[in-house]
Amino acid sequence: AGVTKCIHREDFFRTNTDGTRHFVDILRELGMVPRRFIFISSLSVFGAIRETAVRKPTADQPWIYKPIQEEDQPRPNTTYGESKLAAEQYIQSLTGFPYVILRPTGVYGPREKDYFMMAKSIQQHVDFSVGFRPQEITFVYVKDLVQAVFSAMERDVIGRAFFISDGNIYHSTEFSDLIHKELGCPFMLRIKAPIWLLRVICTVNGTFNTWRGKTTTLNQDKFHILSQRNWQCDIEPARKELGYQPEYSLERGVNETIAWYKKEGWL
């Protein structure tokens, strides 16, 4: 269990950090430590690192950033990322505790609500994106993440942390283009706003909803997530050590996801 949106900063730590710590402590006190403890963390624990372009895009090398590596120093720029990192650090501090940490990138699929907002917006003929600097993003379909969890349970690997994605890198519009296609290509107005405007919207909306006592998707955390330009990560260790082999391309995953939203009446 975990939270990605909260009214107050301390709520993230009460659930994501303290909740994890209490659960692990109880398992240890009762002598019920499992053979493998799989902790679902997030790529967000690293924050906006490797944001400097290392080359210009070409036909052979279209990606301009370097992927985030497990050896990099985490610098979370969201409260969510800070709370998940603190939970990671507690688990890693325990002697002899058989943990495996998975750090998925953007998880999408049936029942997911944040990416659903994009689909709803496109259905209503608007695709909103931010920032004029190139953005390189990664995704993982929920079924591939589940596969990674089972792989982590079955392999003889402990005391490790792994990035989880579908193994591909995408430009910022590819996800929305696939949603647009699955919705039957309705008329769509594509709006690209500057980063400063996103900051204003997230600050005002976040402050207003905190005053109302309600959570909101457009908040300061979301500003940092949307403004981050590099979401690449290296999944080769997961392939080699866990035998993780993602099966869903973004196109296949979006097809299944939109079909589910339509079947359940969300769209």
Protein backbone atom coordinates (compact mmCIF):
# COMPACT_ATOMS: atom_id res chain seq x y z
CA ALA A 1 0.00 0.00 0.00
CA GLY A 2 1.21 3.50 -0.74
CA VAL A 3 0.06 7.00 -1.64
CA THR A 4 1.00 9.17 -4.63
CA LYS A 5 -1.17 12.18 -3.74
CA CYS A 6 -1.65 13.71 -0.28
CA ILE A 7 -3.02 16.88 1.20
CA HIS A 8 -0.05 17.45 3.52
CA ARG A 9 3.63 16.63 3.14
CA GLU A 10 3.75 14.56 6.32
CA ASP A 11 1.01 12.26 4.98
CA PHE A 12 3.44 10.86 2.39
CA PHE A 13 5.92 9.89 5.09
CA ARG A 14 3.26 8.52 7.46
CA THR A 15 2.07 6.08 4.79
CA ASN A 16 5.01 5.39 2.46
CA THR A 17 7.83 5.52 4.98
CA ASP A 18 6.40 4.84 8.44
CA GLY A 19 3.85 2.37 7.09
CA THR A 20 6.61 0.34 5.46
CA ARG A 21 8.82 0.54 8.55
CA HIS A 22 6.03 -0.58 10.91
CA PHE A 23 5.10 -3.48 8.61
CA VAL A 24 8.70 -4.69 8.34
CA ASP A 25 9.26 -4.30 12.10
CA ILE A 26 6.16 -6.39 12.88
CA LEU A 27 7.26 -9.15 10.51
CA ARG A 28 10.63 -9.28 12.23
CA GLU A 29 9.22 -9.16 15.77
CA LEU A 30 6.79 -12.00 15.03
CA GLY A 31 9.39 -14.12 13.28
CA MET A 32 7.38 -13.95 10.05
CA VAL A 33 10.02 -12.56 7.70
CA PRO A 34 9.28 -14.02 4.25
CA ARG A 35 11.81 -15.72 2.02
CA ARG A 36 11.78 -12.59 -0.12
CA PHE A 37 10.36 -9.12 0.70
CA ILE A 38 9.52 -7.24 -2.52
CA PHE A 39 9.29 -3.49 -2.04
CA ILE A 40 7.72 -1.46 -4.86
CA SER A 41 9.55 1.85 -4.90
CA SER A 42 9.76 4.28 -7.82
CA LEU A 43 12.14 5.82 -10.32
CA SER A 44 11.09 9.09 -8.67
CA VAL A 45 13.56 8.43 -5.84
CA PHE A 46 16.32 9.68 -8.18
CA GLY A 47 14.71 12.96 -9.20
CA ALA A 48 15.84 15.14 -12.06
CA ILE A 49 19.38 13.87 -12.62
CA ARG A 50 21.22 13.41 -15.93
CA GLU A 51 19.17 16.29 -17.33
CA THR A 52 22.03 17.69 -19.41
CA ALA A 53 21.97 16.72 -23.08
CA VAL A 54 25.05 14.71 -24.06
CA ARG A 55 24.56 14.82 -27.84
CA LYS A 56 22.30 16.12 -30.56
CA PRO A 57 19.64 13.70 -31.83
CA THR A 58 20.44 11.87 -35.05
CA ALA A 59 18.77 9.11 -37.07
CA ASP A 60 21.10 6.52 -35.48
CA GLN A 61 21.06 8.02 -31.97
CA PRO A 62 17.77 9.84 -31.39
CA TRP A 63 18.20 10.02 -27.59
CA ILE A 64 20.06 13.00 -26.18
CA TYR A 65 20.27 12.07 -22.49
CA LYS A 66 22.02 9.26 -20.65
CA PRO A 67 19.89 6.76 -18.70
CA ILE A 68 19.77 6.91 -14.92
CA GLN A 69 22.01 4.23 -13.39
CA GLU A 70 21.68 2.44 -10.06
CA GLU A 71 25.06 3.88 -9.01
CA ASP A 72 23.74 7.45 -9.33
CA GLN A 73 23.10 9.49 -6.21
CA PRO A 74 19.34 9.82 -5.58
CA ARG A 75 18.12 13.42 -5.42
CA PRO A 76 14.31 13.19 -5.23
CA ASN A 77 12.54 16.40 -6.23
CA THR A 78 9.07 15.32 -5.05
CA THR A 79 7.74 14.58 -1.59
CA TYR A 80 6.54 11.24 -2.92
CA GLY A 81 10.07 10.40 -4.07
CA GLU A 82 11.54 11.49 -0.74
CA SER A 83 9.14 9.27 1.20
CA LYS A 84 9.85 6.23 -0.98
CA LEU A 85 13.61 6.80 -0.73
CA ALA A 86 13.37 6.99 3.07
CA ALA A 87 11.53 3.65 3.06
CA GLU A 88 14.21 2.14 0.82
CA GLN A 89 16.96 3.36 3.12
CA TYR A 90 15.28 1.84 6.17
CA ILE A 91 14.92 -1.56 4.49
CA GLN A 92 18.52 -1.44 3.28
CA SER A 93 19.76 -0.62 6.80
CA LEU A 94 18.48 -3.93 8.24
CA THR A 95 21.04 -6.69 8.68
CA GLY A 96 20.08 -9.94 7.01
CA PHE A 97 16.68 -8.74 5.76
CA PRO A 98 15.94 -10.48 2.39
CA TYR A 99 14.67 -7.54 0.36
CA VAL A 100 14.44 -6.83 -3.34
CA ILE A 101 13.51 -3.29 -4.37
CA LEU A 102 11.78 -2.59 -7.69
CA ARG A 103 11.81 0.96 -9.05
CA PRO A 104 9.24 1.15 -11.86
CA THR A 105 8.95 4.15 -14.10
CA GLY A 106 5.50 5.41 -15.19
CA VAL A 107 3.06 2.54 -14.58
CA TYR A 108 -0.09 2.53 -16.72
CA GLY A 109 -2.92 0.10 -17.38
CA PRO A 110 -6.50 -0.73 -16.32
CA ARG A 111 -7.73 1.14 -13.22
CA GLU A 112 -4.85 3.67 -13.35
CA LYS A 113 -6.23 7.19 -12.85
CA ASP A 114 -3.45 9.71 -13.55
CA TYR A 115 -2.73 8.69 -17.15
CA PHE A 116 -6.48 8.24 -17.52
CA MET A 117 -6.78 12.02 -17.17
CA MET A 118 -4.77 12.35 -20.39
CA ALA A 119 -7.12 9.97 -22.19
CA LYS A 120 -10.13 11.90 -20.90
CA SER A 121 -8.61 15.19 -22.04
CA ILE A 122 -7.89 13.83 -25.52
CA GLN A 123 -11.44 12.50 -25.72
CA GLN A 124 -12.50 16.08 -25.00
CA HIS A 125 -10.25 17.24 -27.89
CA VAL A 126 -7.30 18.71 -25.93
CA ASP A 127 -3.79 17.33 -25.50
CA PHE A 128 -1.82 19.38 -22.99
CA SER A 129 1.96 19.13 -22.65
CA VAL A 130 4.62 21.35 -21.11
CA GLY A 131 8.15 22.46 -21.81
CA PHE A 132 9.94 23.17 -25.06
CA ARG A 133 13.13 21.27 -24.26
CA PRO A 134 13.15 17.64 -25.51
CA GLN A 135 11.69 15.15 -23.06
CA GLU A 136 12.54 11.45 -23.06
CA ILE A 137 10.17 9.28 -21.04
CA THR A 138 9.69 5.62 -20.16
CA PHE A 139 6.71 3.47 -19.24
CA VAL A 140 5.86 0.01 -17.96
CA TYR A 141 2.54 -1.74 -18.43
CA VAL A 142 1.09 -3.05 -15.18
CA LYS A 143 1.26 -6.71 -16.29
CA ASP A 144 5.00 -6.38 -16.96
CA LEU A 145 5.47 -4.92 -13.47
CA VAL A 146 3.61 -7.91 -12.02
CA GLN A 147 5.89 -10.18 -14.03
CA ALA A 148 8.89 -8.41 -12.47
CA VAL A 149 7.46 -8.99 -8.97
CA PHE A 150 7.09 -12.72 -9.59
CA SER A 151 10.58 -12.88 -11.10
CA ALA A 152 11.98 -11.20 -7.99
CA MET A 153 10.21 -13.74 -5.78
CA GLU A 154 11.49 -16.73 -7.73
CA ARG A 155 15.12 -15.78 -8.40
CA ASP A 156 17.87 -16.33 -5.86
CA VAL A 157 18.63 -12.62 -5.58
CA ILE A 158 18.43 -10.49 -2.43
CA GLY A 159 19.74 -7.12 -1.30
CA ARG A 160 19.34 -5.54 -4.74
CA ALA A 161 17.35 -2.73 -6.35
CA PHE A 162 16.24 -2.74 -9.98
CA PHE A 163 14.73 -0.29 -12.43
CA ILE A 164 11.64 -1.58 -14.26
CA SER A 165 10.39 -0.26 -17.62
CA ASP A 166 9.35 -1.74 -20.95
CA GLY A 167 12.92 -1.25 -22.17
CA ASN A 168 12.08 1.49 -24.65
CA ILE A 169 12.41 5.27 -24.67
CA TYR A 170 9.73 7.60 -25.97
CA HIS A 171 9.32 11.24 -26.88
CA SER A 172 6.71 13.20 -24.94
CA THR A 173 3.95 13.00 -27.57
CA GLU A 174 4.10 9.27 -28.37
CA PHE A 175 1.85 8.23 -25.48
CA SER A 176 -0.83 10.79 -26.32
CA ASP A 177 -0.60 9.93 -30.04
CA LEU A 178 -1.36 6.28 -29.27
CA ILE A 179 -4.30 7.25 -27.05
CA HIS A 180 -5.56 9.51 -29.83
CA LYS A 181 -5.39 6.60 -32.27
CA GLU A 182 -7.22 4.20 -29.93
CA LEU A 183 -9.99 6.78 -29.43
CA GLY A 184 -10.61 6.88 -33.17
CA CYS A 185 -8.54 9.99 -33.94
CA PRO A 186 -11.01 12.67 -32.81
CA PHE A 187 -10.26 16.32 -33.54
CA MET A 188 -7.53 17.31 -31.09
CA LEU A 189 -6.02 20.65 -30.16
CA ARG A 190 -2.43 20.15 -29.01
CA ILE A 191 -1.35 22.80 -26.49
CA LYS A 192 2.28 23.07 -25.38
CA ALA A 193 2.67 25.39 -22.42
CA PRO A 194 5.87 26.85 -20.94
CA ILE A 195 7.22 25.42 -17.70
CA TRP A 196 6.51 28.65 -15.79
CA LEU A 197 2.80 28.39 -16.60
CA LEU A 198 2.70 24.81 -15.31
CA ARG A 199 4.34 25.99 -12.08
CA VAL A 200 1.67 28.66 -11.62
CA ILE A 201 -1.19 26.23 -12.32
CA CYS A 202 0.17 23.56 -9.97
CA THR A 203 0.92 26.06 -7.20
CA VAL A 204 -2.49 27.70 -7.33
CA ASN A 205 -4.41 24.45 -7.74
CA GLY A 206 -2.39 22.66 -5.05
CA THR A 207 -2.82 25.50 -2.56
CA PHE A 208 -6.55 25.80 -3.25
CA ASN A 209 -7.19 22.09 -2.82
CA THR A 210 -5.09 21.90 0.35
CA TRP A 211 -7.30 24.67 1.74
CA ARG A 212 -10.35 22.61 0.72
CA GLY A 213 -8.88 19.49 2.33
CA LYS A 214 -8.80 17.52 -0.93
CA THR A 215 -6.05 15.81 -2.90
CA THR A 216 -5.37 16.89 -6.47
CA THR A 217 -3.30 15.58 -9.35
CA LEU A 218 -2.01 19.02 -10.36
CA ASN A 219 0.22 19.89 -7.41
CA GLN A 220 3.88 20.68 -6.76
CA ASP A 221 4.92 17.05 -7.09
CA LYS A 222 3.20 16.83 -10.47
CA PHE A 223 4.98 20.01 -11.57
CA HIS A 224 8.38 18.44 -10.89
CA ILE A 225 7.35 15.19 -12.59
CA LEU A 226 6.09 16.90 -15.75
CA SER A 227 8.99 19.33 -15.95
CA GLN A 228 11.64 16.59 -15.61
CA ARG A 229 13.12 15.97 -19.05
CA ASN A 230 14.93 12.64 -18.62
CA TRP A 231 13.10 9.51 -17.44
CA GLN A 232 15.45 6.99 -18.99
CA CYS A 233 16.65 4.15 -16.76
CA ASP A 234 18.86 1.11 -17.21
CA ILE A 235 16.91 -2.17 -16.90
CA GLU A 236 19.76 -4.47 -18.00
CA PRO A 237 20.47 -5.59 -14.39
CA ALA A 238 16.82 -6.67 -14.06
CA ARG A 239 17.07 -8.60 -17.33
CA LYS A 240 20.27 -10.37 -16.32
CA GLU A 241 19.66 -11.02 -12.62
CA LEU A 242 15.88 -11.46 -12.49
CA GLY A 243 15.28 -12.80 -15.98
CA TYR A 244 12.85 -9.92 -16.48
CA GLN A 245 11.61 -9.70 -20.09
CA PRO A 246 8.97 -7.03 -20.72
CA GLU A 247 6.28 -8.29 -23.09
CA TYR A 248 4.22 -5.15 -23.67
CA SER A 249 5.21 -2.44 -26.10
CA LEU A 250 3.62 0.95 -25.44
CA GLU A 251 1.29 0.44 -28.41
CA ARG A 252 0.02 -2.92 -27.14
CA GLY A 253 -0.33 -1.65 -23.58
CA VAL A 254 -2.27 1.47 -24.59
CA ASN A 255 -4.54 -0.64 -26.78
CA GLU A 256 -5.43 -2.89 -23.82
CA THR A 257 -5.76 0.03 -21.43
CA ILE A 258 -8.11 2.13 -23.58
CA ALA A 259 -10.18 -0.97 -24.35
CA TRP A 260 -10.59 -1.52 -20.59
CA TYR A 261 -11.55 2.14 -19.98
CA LYS A 262 -14.22 1.87 -22.68
CA LYS A 263 -15.54 -1.49 -21.44
CA GLU A 264 -15.86 -0.19 -17.88
CA GLY A 265 -17.51 3.06 -18.96
CA TRP A 266 -14.66 5.36 -17.99
CA LEU A 267 -14.48 6.67 -21.55
